[in-house]
Amino acid sequence: MKKIAVPVANNSLSTHFGHAEHFMIFSTENGQITGHETHSPPPHQPGTYPRWLASLGVTDIIAGGMGQRAIDIFLQNRINVYTGVNVATPEELVLQLLNGTLAAGVNLCDH
């Protein structure tokens, strides 16, 4: 089972996870989405979001871009990080990850 988090702004992937209006967290099993929850993030401070998402049991994060410190904290918490992802709906991105077609690329954040 995976729990995949997607930062959302205007009902699509937020290009920088630190600027997300909310996070959608999808529960998956056997390559299928089994449910999702929407969570409002805590106030944004460096390192807060990765620790908060880890406390929610997230196993993977899909983002357009994020800072290196956040990436490092996710990896320390054994959370897979996919950055440089093109904007799409959260469900489309999760399905792409599950079926192996998610096109991660260059991290869109340079800090």
C-alpha atoms as a PDB file:
ATOM      1  CA  MET A   1       0.000   0.000   0.000  1.00  0.00           C
ATOM      2  CA  LYS A   2       1.193   3.483  -0.889  1.00  0.00           C
ATOM      3  CA  LYS A   3       0.029   6.890   0.267  1.00  0.00           C
ATOM      4  CA  ILE A   4       0.820   9.439  -2.414  1.00  0.00           C
ATOM      5  CA  ALA A   5       0.680  13.172  -1.675  1.00  0.00           C
ATOM      6  CA  VAL A   6       0.113  15.857  -4.298  1.00  0.00           C
ATOM      7  CA  PRO A   7       0.332  19.594  -3.491  1.00  0.00           C
ATOM      8  CA  VAL A   8      -2.653  21.362  -5.057  1.00  0.00           C
ATOM      9  CA  ALA A   9      -3.398  24.916  -6.171  1.00  0.00           C
ATOM     10  CA  ASN A  10      -6.402  25.767  -8.367  1.00  0.00           C
ATOM     11  CA  ASN A  11      -7.401  22.070  -8.555  1.00  0.00           C
ATOM     12  CA  SER A  12      -4.107  21.089 -10.247  1.00  0.00           C
ATOM     13  CA  LEU A  13      -0.557  20.299  -9.200  1.00  0.00           C
ATOM     14  CA  SER A  14       1.042  23.255  -7.436  1.00  0.00           C
ATOM     15  CA  THR A  15       4.309  23.988  -9.227  1.00  0.00           C
ATOM     16  CA  HIS A  16       6.034  24.523  -5.867  1.00  0.00           C
ATOM     17  CA  PHE A  17       4.876  22.319  -3.036  1.00  0.00           C
ATOM     18  CA  GLY A  18       5.495  25.028  -0.431  1.00  0.00           C
ATOM     19  CA  HIS A  19       2.809  27.196  -2.042  1.00  0.00           C
ATOM     20  CA  ALA A  20       0.069  24.579  -2.046  1.00  0.00           C
ATOM     21  CA  GLU A  21      -3.456  25.543  -0.993  1.00  0.00           C
ATOM     22  CA  HIS A  22      -3.935  21.976   0.223  1.00  0.00           C
ATOM     23  CA  PHE A  23      -2.593  18.461  -0.240  1.00  0.00           C
ATOM     24  CA  MET A  24      -4.494  15.534  -1.653  1.00  0.00           C
ATOM     25  CA  ILE A  25      -3.312  12.226  -0.229  1.00  0.00           C
ATOM     26  CA  PHE A  26      -4.280   9.150  -2.219  1.00  0.00           C
ATOM     27  CA  SER A  27      -4.377   5.679  -0.699  1.00  0.00           C
ATOM     28  CA  THR A  28      -3.472   2.984  -3.195  1.00  0.00           C
ATOM     29  CA  GLU A  29      -3.256  -0.774  -3.239  1.00  0.00           C
ATOM     30  CA  ASN A  30      -2.336  -3.203  -6.015  1.00  0.00           C
ATOM     31  CA  GLY A  31      -1.818  -0.331  -8.452  1.00  0.00           C
ATOM     32  CA  GLN A  32      -5.295   1.138  -7.874  1.00  0.00           C
ATOM     33  CA  ILE A  33      -6.529   4.229  -6.045  1.00  0.00           C
ATOM     34  CA  THR A  34      -8.619   3.099  -3.083  1.00  0.00           C
ATOM     35  CA  GLY A  35      -9.446   6.534  -1.660  1.00  0.00           C
ATOM     36  CA  HIS A  36      -8.198  10.043  -1.043  1.00  0.00           C
ATOM     37  CA  GLU A  37      -8.221  12.747   1.592  1.00  0.00           C
ATOM     38  CA  THR A  38      -7.684  16.477   1.379  1.00  0.00           C
ATOM     39  CA  HIS A  39      -5.579  18.158   4.072  1.00  0.00           C
ATOM     40  CA  SER A  40      -4.837  21.820   4.732  1.00  0.00           C
ATOM     41  CA  PRO A  41      -1.140  22.226   5.471  1.00  0.00           C
ATOM     42  CA  PRO A  42       0.289  23.775   8.625  1.00  0.00           C
ATOM     43  CA  PRO A  43       1.889  27.238   8.330  1.00  0.00           C
ATOM     44  CA  HIS A  44       4.802  27.019   5.898  1.00  0.00           C
ATOM     45  CA  GLN A  45       8.180  27.035   7.596  1.00  0.00           C
ATOM     46  CA  PRO A  46      11.322  25.362   6.232  1.00  0.00           C
ATOM     47  CA  GLY A  47      11.105  21.618   6.885  1.00  0.00           C
ATOM     48  CA  THR A  48       7.532  21.663   8.220  1.00  0.00           C
ATOM     49  CA  TYR A  49       5.701  20.080   5.282  1.00  0.00           C
ATOM     50  CA  PRO A  50       7.959  17.026   4.892  1.00  0.00           C
ATOM     51  CA  ARG A  51       7.665  16.178   8.592  1.00  0.00           C
ATOM     52  CA  TRP A  52       3.900  16.778   8.574  1.00  0.00           C
ATOM     53  CA  LEU A  53       3.363  14.566   5.511  1.00  0.00           C
ATOM     54  CA  ALA A  54       5.555  11.841   7.049  1.00  0.00           C
ATOM     55  CA  SER A  55       3.333  11.948  10.161  1.00  0.00           C
ATOM     56  CA  LEU A  56       0.341  11.256   7.877  1.00  0.00           C
ATOM     57  CA  GLY A  57       1.987   8.082   6.564  1.00  0.00           C
ATOM     58  CA  VAL A  58       2.838   9.425   3.106  1.00  0.00           C
ATOM     59  CA  THR A  59       5.159   7.126   1.124  1.00  0.00           C
ATOM     60  CA  ASP A  60       5.523   9.232  -2.063  1.00  0.00           C
ATOM     61  CA  ILE A  61       5.278  12.924  -3.006  1.00  0.00           C
ATOM     62  CA  ILE A  62       4.691  14.281  -6.505  1.00  0.00           C
ATOM     63  CA  ALA A  63       5.736  17.911  -7.037  1.00  0.00           C
ATOM     64  CA  GLY A  64       6.655  20.403  -9.693  1.00  0.00           C
ATOM     65  CA  GLY A  65       9.500  21.658  -7.577  1.00  0.00           C
ATOM     66  CA  MET A  66      10.798  21.949  -4.041  1.00  0.00           C
ATOM     67  CA  GLY A  67      13.900  23.044  -2.204  1.00  0.00           C
ATOM     68  CA  GLN A  68      16.788  20.662  -1.565  1.00  0.00           C
ATOM     69  CA  ARG A  69      16.264  20.781   2.216  1.00  0.00           C
ATOM     70  CA  ALA A  70      12.697  19.515   1.773  1.00  0.00           C
ATOM     71  CA  ILE A  71      13.890  16.764  -0.568  1.00  0.00           C
ATOM     72  CA  ASP A  72      16.504  15.703   1.979  1.00  0.00           C
ATOM     73  CA  ILE A  73      13.931  15.543   4.804  1.00  0.00           C
ATOM     74  CA  PHE A  74      11.565  13.483   2.649  1.00  0.00           C
ATOM     75  CA  LEU A  75      14.359  11.050   1.809  1.00  0.00           C
ATOM     76  CA  GLN A  76      15.381  10.812   5.494  1.00  0.00           C
ATOM     77  CA  ASN A  77      11.770   9.806   6.205  1.00  0.00           C
ATOM     78  CA  ARG A  78      11.867   7.165   3.430  1.00  0.00           C
ATOM     79  CA  ILE A  79       9.440   9.105   1.242  1.00  0.00           C
ATOM     80  CA  ASN A  80      10.016   8.847  -2.516  1.00  0.00           C
ATOM     81  CA  VAL A  81      10.217  12.257  -4.231  1.00  0.00           C
ATOM     82  CA  TYR A  82       9.145  12.935  -7.827  1.00  0.00           C
ATOM     83  CA  THR A  83       9.892  16.509  -8.984  1.00  0.00           C
ATOM     84  CA  GLY A  84       9.779  18.306 -12.304  1.00  0.00           C
ATOM     85  CA  VAL A  85       6.347  16.876 -12.993  1.00  0.00           C
ATOM     86  CA  ASN A  86       4.085  18.647 -15.500  1.00  0.00           C
ATOM     87  CA  VAL A  87       0.897  20.245 -14.208  1.00  0.00           C
ATOM     88  CA  ALA A  88      -2.136  17.933 -14.308  1.00  0.00           C
ATOM     89  CA  THR A  89      -4.926  16.947 -11.967  1.00  0.00           C
ATOM     90  CA  PRO A  90      -3.805  15.122  -8.825  1.00  0.00           C
ATOM     91  CA  GLU A  91      -5.653  11.924  -9.800  1.00  0.00           C
ATOM     92  CA  GLU A  92      -4.038  11.871 -13.268  1.00  0.00           C
ATOM     93  CA  LEU A  93      -0.583  12.216 -11.703  1.00  0.00           C
ATOM     94  CA  VAL A  94      -1.176   9.432  -9.183  1.00  0.00           C
ATOM     95  CA  LEU A  95      -2.453   7.111 -11.911  1.00  0.00           C
ATOM     96  CA  GLN A  96       0.646   7.923 -14.003  1.00  0.00           C
ATOM     97  CA  LEU A  97       2.883   7.064 -11.041  1.00  0.00           C
ATOM     98  CA  LEU A  98       1.032   3.807 -10.449  1.00  0.00           C
ATOM     99  CA  ASN A  99       1.242   2.705 -14.082  1.00  0.00           C
ATOM    100  CA  GLY A 100       4.871   3.773 -14.540  1.00  0.00           C
ATOM    101  CA  THR A 101       4.285   6.661 -16.954  1.00  0.00           C
ATOM    102  CA  LEU A 102       4.891   9.632 -14.629  1.00  0.00           C
ATOM    103  CA  ALA A 103       7.403  11.884 -16.361  1.00  0.00           C
ATOM    104  CA  ALA A 104       9.532  13.422 -13.617  1.00  0.00           C
ATOM    105  CA  GLY A 105      12.115  15.873 -14.853  1.00  0.00           C
ATOM    106  CA  VAL A 106      14.126  18.844 -13.746  1.00  0.00           C
ATOM    107  CA  ASN A 107      13.196  20.155 -10.297  1.00  0.00           C
ATOM    108  CA  LEU A 108      11.322  23.391 -11.017  1.00  0.00           C
ATOM    109  CA  CYS A 109      12.606  25.013  -7.821  1.00  0.00           C
ATOM    110  CA  ASP A 110      16.139  26.378  -7.646  1.00  0.00           C
ATOM    111  CA  HIS A 111      16.369  26.879  -3.875  1.00  0.00           C
END
